[in-house]
Amino acid sequence: MIDWILGIVMVFAAIFGLFLAAGAYDIGMTTFGFGLFAFGVLFDFWLVKKRFDARKAAPVHSLPALGDN
């Protein structure tokens, strides 16, 4: 559950970064805005990867074959 909340927060941070970059008057704020956007997007991709890796590592429960008791 915390991954969902963190992912949503990072989406808002990335959008905020784009607004910062769009309204910047100097190169420092533009760089920070684009950096915040890139960090937010990459962090969300990492959360997706983490979720799929956890699902892949989970044990698969199989049904017993006929005749196995």
PDB file of N, CA and C in Angstrom:
ATOM      1  N   MET A   1       0.815  -1.192   0.000  1.00  0.00           N
ATOM      2  CA  MET A   1       0.000   0.000   0.000  1.00  0.00           C
ATOM      3  C   MET A   1       0.863   1.264   0.000  1.00  0.00           C
ATOM      4  N   ILE A   2       1.967   1.209   0.717  1.00  0.00           N
ATOM      5  CA  ILE A   2       2.824   2.392   0.778  1.00  0.00           C
ATOM      6  C   ILE A   2       3.441   2.699  -0.587  1.00  0.00           C
ATOM      7  N   ASP A   3       3.650   1.665  -1.407  1.00  0.00           N
ATOM      8  CA  ASP A   3       4.200   1.898  -2.742  1.00  0.00           C
ATOM      9  C   ASP A   3       3.226   2.691  -3.613  1.00  0.00           C
ATOM     10  N   TRP A   4       1.941   2.422  -3.461  1.00  0.00           N
ATOM     11  CA  TRP A   4       0.940   3.180  -4.215  1.00  0.00           C
ATOM     12  C   TRP A   4       0.956   4.647  -3.804  1.00  0.00           C
ATOM     13  N   ILE A   5       0.988   4.896  -2.525  1.00  0.00           N
ATOM     14  CA  ILE A   5       0.990   6.277  -2.031  1.00  0.00           C
ATOM     15  C   ILE A   5       2.257   6.997  -2.471  1.00  0.00           C
ATOM     16  N   LEU A   6       3.384   6.323  -2.339  1.00  0.00           N
ATOM     17  CA  LEU A   6       4.659   6.915  -2.747  1.00  0.00           C
ATOM     18  C   LEU A   6       4.691   7.182  -4.251  1.00  0.00           C
ATOM     19  N   GLY A   7       4.126   6.276  -5.031  1.00  0.00           N
ATOM     20  CA  GLY A   7       4.061   6.473  -6.481  1.00  0.00           C
ATOM     21  C   GLY A   7       3.222   7.682  -6.859  1.00  0.00           C
ATOM     22  N   ILE A   8       2.091   7.844  -6.191  1.00  0.00           N
ATOM     23  CA  ILE A   8       1.229   9.001  -6.480  1.00  0.00           C
ATOM     24  C   ILE A   8       1.917  10.299  -6.075  1.00  0.00           C
ATOM     25  N   VAL A   9       2.591  10.297  -4.935  1.00  0.00           N
ATOM     26  CA  VAL A   9       3.324  11.493  -4.500  1.00  0.00           C
ATOM     27  C   VAL A   9       4.409  11.852  -5.512  1.00  0.00           C
ATOM     28  N   MET A  10       5.101  10.831  -6.038  1.00  0.00           N
ATOM     29  CA  MET A  10       6.168  11.099  -7.007  1.00  0.00           C
ATOM     30  C   MET A  10       5.616  11.595  -8.346  1.00  0.00           C
ATOM     31  N   VAL A  11       4.414  11.165  -8.711  1.00  0.00           N
ATOM     32  CA  VAL A  11       3.777  11.706  -9.918  1.00  0.00           C
ATOM     33  C   VAL A  11       3.537  13.199  -9.743  1.00  0.00           C
ATOM     34  N   PHE A  12       3.016  13.583  -8.574  1.00  0.00           N
ATOM     35  CA  PHE A  12       2.792  15.003  -8.318  1.00  0.00           C
ATOM     36  C   PHE A  12       4.111  15.779  -8.259  1.00  0.00           C
ATOM     37  N   ALA A  13       5.144  15.175  -7.721  1.00  0.00           N
ATOM     38  CA  ALA A  13       6.453  15.834  -7.685  1.00  0.00           C
ATOM     39  C   ALA A  13       6.993  16.029  -9.099  1.00  0.00           C
ATOM     40  N   ALA A  14       6.798  15.030  -9.954  1.00  0.00           N
ATOM     41  CA  ALA A  14       7.266  15.151 -11.340  1.00  0.00           C
ATOM     42  C   ALA A  14       6.503  16.250 -12.081  1.00  0.00           C
ATOM     43  N   ILE A  15       5.203  16.311 -11.881  1.00  0.00           N
ATOM     44  CA  ILE A  15       4.412  17.373 -12.522  1.00  0.00           C
ATOM     45  C   ILE A  15       4.818  18.739 -11.982  1.00  0.00           C
ATOM     46  N   PHE A  16       5.060  18.814 -10.684  1.00  0.00           N
ATOM     47  CA  PHE A  16       5.540  20.066 -10.089  1.00  0.00           C
ATOM     48  C   PHE A  16       6.877  20.480 -10.690  1.00  0.00           C
ATOM     49  N   GLY A  17       7.740  19.504 -10.944  1.00  0.00           N
ATOM     50  CA  GLY A  17       9.024  19.793 -11.581  1.00  0.00           C
ATOM     51  C   GLY A  17       8.858  20.384 -12.968  1.00  0.00           C
ATOM     52  N   LEU A  18       7.884  19.868 -13.712  1.00  0.00           N
ATOM     53  CA  LEU A  18       7.633  20.442 -15.042  1.00  0.00           C
ATOM     54  C   LEU A  18       7.131  21.878 -14.933  1.00  0.00           C
ATOM     55  N   PHE A  19       6.273  22.161 -13.957  1.00  0.00           N
ATOM     56  CA  PHE A  19       5.816  23.541 -13.761  1.00  0.00           C
ATOM     57  C   PHE A  19       6.962  24.456 -13.357  1.00  0.00           C
ATOM     58  N   LEU A  20       7.856  23.947 -12.515  1.00  0.00           N
ATOM     59  CA  LEU A  20       9.025  24.745 -12.147  1.00  0.00           C
ATOM     60  C   LEU A  20       9.894  25.052 -13.360  1.00  0.00           C
ATOM     61  N   ALA A  21      10.119  24.044 -14.184  1.00  0.00           N
ATOM     62  CA  ALA A  21      10.966  24.248 -15.367  1.00  0.00           C
ATOM     63  C   ALA A  21      10.300  25.188 -16.369  1.00  0.00           C
ATOM     64  N   ALA A  22       8.988  25.095 -16.482  1.00  0.00           N
ATOM     65  CA  ALA A  22       8.287  25.937 -17.456  1.00  0.00           C
ATOM     66  C   ALA A  22       8.284  27.410 -17.036  1.00  0.00           C
ATOM     67  N   GLY A  23       8.212  27.662 -15.744  1.00  0.00           N
ATOM     68  CA  GLY A  23       8.136  29.045 -15.287  1.00  0.00           C
ATOM     69  C   GLY A  23       9.458  29.624 -14.820  1.00  0.00           C
ATOM     70  N   ALA A  24      10.545  28.944 -15.099  1.00  0.00           N
ATOM     71  CA  ALA A  24      11.848  29.378 -14.590  1.00  0.00           C
ATOM     72  C   ALA A  24      12.390  30.561 -15.384  1.00  0.00           C
ATOM     73  N   TYR A  25      13.092  31.422 -14.652  1.00  0.00           N
ATOM     74  CA  TYR A  25      13.754  32.559 -15.281  1.00  0.00           C
ATOM     75  C   TYR A  25      15.255  32.359 -15.429  1.00  0.00           C
ATOM     76  N   ASP A  26      15.789  31.361 -14.737  1.00  0.00           N
ATOM     77  CA  ASP A  26      17.225  31.115 -14.814  1.00  0.00           C
ATOM     78  C   ASP A  26      17.484  29.629 -15.053  1.00  0.00           C
ATOM     79  N   ILE A  27      18.721  29.334 -15.410  1.00  0.00           N
ATOM     80  CA  ILE A  27      19.082  27.965 -15.785  1.00  0.00           C
ATOM     81  C   ILE A  27      19.081  27.027 -14.571  1.00  0.00           C
ATOM     82  N   GLY A  28      19.338  27.566 -13.397  1.00  0.00           N
ATOM     83  CA  GLY A  28      19.357  26.732 -12.197  1.00  0.00           C
ATOM     84  C   GLY A  28      17.989  26.140 -11.876  1.00  0.00           C
ATOM     85  N   MET A  29      16.945  26.948 -11.940  1.00  0.00           N
ATOM     86  CA  MET A  29      15.602  26.457 -11.652  1.00  0.00           C
ATOM     87  C   MET A  29      15.102  25.551 -12.766  1.00  0.00           C
ATOM     88  N   THR A  30      15.494  25.841 -13.995  1.00  0.00           N
ATOM     89  CA  THR A  30      15.124  24.958 -15.105  1.00  0.00           C
ATOM     90  C   THR A  30      15.748  23.585 -14.922  1.00  0.00           C
ATOM     91  N   THR A  31      17.017  23.560 -14.563  1.00  0.00           N
ATOM     92  CA  THR A  31      17.712  22.288 -14.343  1.00  0.00           C
ATOM     93  C   THR A  31      17.089  21.528 -13.177  1.00  0.00           C
ATOM     94  N   PHE A  32      16.779  22.236 -12.096  1.00  0.00           N
ATOM     95  CA  PHE A  32      16.162  21.586 -10.949  1.00  0.00           C
ATOM     96  C   PHE A  32      14.788  21.022 -11.307  1.00  0.00           C
ATOM     97  N   GLY A  33      13.999  21.771 -12.059  1.00  0.00           N
ATOM     98  CA  GLY A  33      12.673  21.309 -12.455  1.00  0.00           C
ATOM     99  C   GLY A  33      12.731  20.057 -13.319  1.00  0.00           C
ATOM    100  N   PHE A  34      13.609  20.065 -14.314  1.00  0.00           N
ATOM    101  CA  PHE A  34      13.753  18.879 -15.163  1.00  0.00           C
ATOM    102  C   PHE A  34      14.350  17.704 -14.388  1.00  0.00           C
ATOM    103  N   GLY A  35      15.244  18.004 -13.454  1.00  0.00           N
ATOM    104  CA  GLY A  35      15.803  16.946 -12.617  1.00  0.00           C
ATOM    105  C   GLY A  35      14.745  16.323 -11.720  1.00  0.00           C
ATOM    106  N   LEU A  36      13.887  17.152 -11.139  1.00  0.00           N
ATOM    107  CA  LEU A  36      12.798  16.641 -10.309  1.00  0.00           C
ATOM    108  C   LEU A  36      11.831  15.804 -11.136  1.00  0.00           C
ATOM    109  N   PHE A  37      11.555  16.238 -12.349  1.00  0.00           N
ATOM    110  CA  PHE A  37      10.690  15.463 -13.241  1.00  0.00           C
ATOM    111  C   PHE A  37      11.318  14.110 -13.562  1.00  0.00           C
ATOM    112  N   ALA A  38      12.585  14.116 -13.925  1.00  0.00           N
ATOM    113  CA  ALA A  38      13.267  12.865 -14.269  1.00  0.00           C
ATOM    114  C   ALA A  38      13.320  11.929 -13.059  1.00  0.00           C
ATOM    115  N   PHE A  39      13.591  12.475 -11.880  1.00  0.00           N
ATOM    116  CA  PHE A  39      13.630  11.656 -10.678  1.00  0.00           C
ATOM    117  C   PHE A  39      12.271  11.022 -10.397  1.00  0.00           C
ATOM    118  N   GLY A  40      11.205  11.799 -10.538  1.00  0.00           N
ATOM    119  CA  GLY A  40       9.869  11.272 -10.299  1.00  0.00           C
ATOM    120  C   GLY A  40       9.500  10.154 -11.254  1.00  0.00           C
ATOM    121  N   VAL A  41       9.814  10.334 -12.524  1.00  0.00           N
ATOM    122  CA  VAL A  41       9.494   9.307 -13.523  1.00  0.00           C
ATOM    123  C   VAL A  41      10.327   8.051 -13.289  1.00  0.00           C
ATOM    124  N   LEU A  42      11.620   8.226 -13.078  1.00  0.00           N
ATOM    125  CA  LEU A  42      12.480   7.057 -12.856  1.00  0.00           C
ATOM    126  C   LEU A  42      12.120   6.331 -11.559  1.00  0.00           C
ATOM    127  N   PHE A  43      11.737   7.073 -10.541  1.00  0.00           N
ATOM    128  CA  PHE A  43      11.347   6.446  -9.280  1.00  0.00           C
ATOM    129  C   PHE A  43      10.078   5.620  -9.460  1.00  0.00           C
ATOM    130  N   ASP A  44       9.121   6.131 -10.243  1.00  0.00           N
ATOM    131  CA  ASP A  44       7.905   5.359 -10.500  1.00  0.00           C
ATOM    132  C   ASP A  44       8.199   4.110 -11.321  1.00  0.00           C
ATOM    133  N   PHE A  45       9.091   4.205 -12.284  1.00  0.00           N
ATOM    134  CA  PHE A  45       9.484   3.002 -13.028  1.00  0.00           C
ATOM    135  C   PHE A  45      10.155   1.986 -12.108  1.00  0.00           C
ATOM    136  N   TRP A  46      10.947   2.474 -11.145  1.00  0.00           N
ATOM    137  CA  TRP A  46      11.586   1.557 -10.198  1.00  0.00           C
ATOM    138  C   TRP A  46      10.543   0.866  -9.318  1.00  0.00           C
ATOM    139  N   LEU A  47       9.494   1.598  -8.932  1.00  0.00           N
ATOM    140  CA  LEU A  47       8.430   0.985  -8.141  1.00  0.00           C
ATOM    141  C   LEU A  47       7.712  -0.104  -8.923  1.00  0.00           C
ATOM    142  N   VAL A  48       7.484   0.128 -10.205  1.00  0.00           N
ATOM    143  CA  VAL A  48       6.846  -0.893 -11.052  1.00  0.00           C
ATOM    144  C   VAL A  48       7.750  -2.115 -11.158  1.00  0.00           C
ATOM    145  N   LYS A  49       9.043  -1.889 -11.365  1.00  0.00           N
ATOM    146  CA  LYS A  49       9.991  -3.003 -11.457  1.00  0.00           C
ATOM    147  C   LYS A  49      10.025  -3.798 -10.158  1.00  0.00           C
ATOM    148  N   LYS A  50      10.030  -3.085  -9.033  1.00  0.00           N
ATOM    149  CA  LYS A  50      10.046  -3.731  -7.726  1.00  0.00           C
ATOM    150  C   LYS A  50       8.814  -4.610  -7.537  1.00  0.00           C
ATOM    151  N   ARG A  51       7.678  -4.133  -7.988  1.00  0.00           N
ATOM    152  CA  ARG A  51       6.436  -4.904  -7.857  1.00  0.00           C
ATOM    153  C   ARG A  51       6.479  -6.175  -8.703  1.00  0.00           C
ATOM    154  N   PHE A  52       6.947  -6.061  -9.948  1.00  0.00           N
ATOM    155  CA  PHE A  52       7.014  -7.233 -10.815  1.00  0.00           C
ATOM    156  C   PHE A  52       8.077  -8.219 -10.340  1.00  0.00           C
ATOM    157  N   ASP A  53       9.177  -7.724  -9.798  1.00  0.00           N
ATOM    158  CA  ASP A  53      10.200  -8.624  -9.258  1.00  0.00           C
ATOM    159  C   ASP A  53       9.673  -9.387  -8.046  1.00  0.00           C
ATOM    160  N   ALA A  54       8.875  -8.717  -7.208  1.00  0.00           N
ATOM    161  CA  ALA A  54       8.308  -9.391  -6.047  1.00  0.00           C
ATOM    162  C   ALA A  54       7.303 -10.453  -6.473  1.00  0.00           C
ATOM    163  N   ARG A  55       6.542 -10.165  -7.493  1.00  0.00           N
ATOM    164  CA  ARG A  55       5.574 -11.134  -7.982  1.00  0.00           C
ATOM    165  C   ARG A  55       6.274 -12.333  -8.608  1.00  0.00           C
ATOM    166  N   LYS A  56       7.373 -12.067  -9.302  1.00  0.00           N
ATOM    167  CA  LYS A  56       8.125 -13.145  -9.946  1.00  0.00           C
ATOM    168  C   LYS A  56       8.806 -14.043  -8.915  1.00  0.00           C
ATOM    169  N   ALA A  57       9.236 -13.489  -7.811  1.00  0.00           N
ATOM    170  CA  ALA A  57       9.946 -14.250  -6.792  1.00  0.00           C
ATOM    171  C   ALA A  57       9.004 -15.026  -5.875  1.00  0.00           C
ATOM    172  N   ALA A  58       7.718 -14.712  -5.924  1.00  0.00           N
ATOM    173  CA  ALA A  58       6.766 -15.399  -5.048  1.00  0.00           C
ATOM    174  C   ALA A  58       6.636 -16.855  -5.477  1.00  0.00           C
ATOM    175  N   PRO A  59       6.518 -17.760  -4.514  1.00  0.00           N
ATOM    176  CA  PRO A  59       6.384 -19.168  -4.873  1.00  0.00           C
ATOM    177  C   PRO A  59       5.046 -19.437  -5.559  1.00  0.00           C
ATOM    178  N   VAL A  60       5.088 -20.338  -6.511  1.00  0.00           N
ATOM    179  CA  VAL A  60       3.895 -20.704  -7.258  1.00  0.00           C
ATOM    180  C   VAL A  60       3.296 -21.935  -6.599  1.00  0.00           C
ATOM    181  N   HIS A  61       2.067 -21.844  -6.201  1.00  0.00           N
ATOM    182  CA  HIS A  61       1.382 -22.975  -5.579  1.00  0.00           C
ATOM    183  C   HIS A  61       0.742 -23.806  -6.682  1.00  0.00           C
ATOM    184  N   SER A  62       1.150 -25.042  -6.779  1.00  0.00           N
ATOM    185  CA  SER A  62       0.595 -25.906  -7.802  1.00  0.00           C
ATOM    186  C   SER A  62      -0.299 -26.957  -7.170  1.00  0.00           C
ATOM    187  N   LEU A  63      -1.228 -27.431  -7.948  1.00  0.00           N
ATOM    188  CA  LEU A  63      -2.118 -28.481  -7.470  1.00  0.00           C
ATOM    189  C   LEU A  63      -1.377 -29.811  -7.522  1.00  0.00           C
ATOM    190  N   PRO A  64      -1.633 -30.690  -6.579  1.00  0.00           N
ATOM    191  CA  PRO A  64      -0.973 -31.994  -6.616  1.00  0.00           C
ATOM    192  C   PRO A  64      -1.491 -32.819  -7.795  1.00  0.00           C
ATOM    193  N   ALA A  65      -0.616 -33.616  -8.343  1.00  0.00           N
ATOM    194  CA  ALA A  65      -0.998 -34.463  -9.472  1.00  0.00           C
ATOM    195  C   ALA A  65      -1.902 -35.578  -8.991  1.00  0.00           C
ATOM    196  N   LEU A  66      -2.658 -36.132  -9.905  1.00  0.00           N
ATOM    197  CA  LEU A  66      -3.552 -37.243  -9.545  1.00  0.00           C
ATOM    198  C   LEU A  66      -2.726 -38.419  -9.059  1.00  0.00           C
ATOM    199  N   GLY A  67      -3.153 -39.045  -8.008  1.00  0.00           N
ATOM    200  CA  GLY A  67      -2.454 -40.196  -7.476  1.00  0.00           C
ATOM    201  C   GLY A  67      -1.411 -39.844  -6.427  1.00  0.00           C
ATOM    202  N   ASP A  68      -1.073 -38.551  -6.270  1.00  0.00           N
ATOM    203  CA  ASP A  68      -0.140 -38.143  -5.228  1.00  0.00           C
ATOM    204  C   ASP A  68      -0.905 -37.882  -3.944  1.00  0.00           C
ATOM    205  N   ASN A  69      -0.572 -38.619  -2.915  1.00  0.00           N
ATOM    206  CA  ASN A  69      -1.245 -38.401  -1.627  1.00  0.00           C
ATOM    207  C   ASN A  69      -0.249 -38.078  -0.560  1.00  0.00           C
TER     208      ASN A  69
END
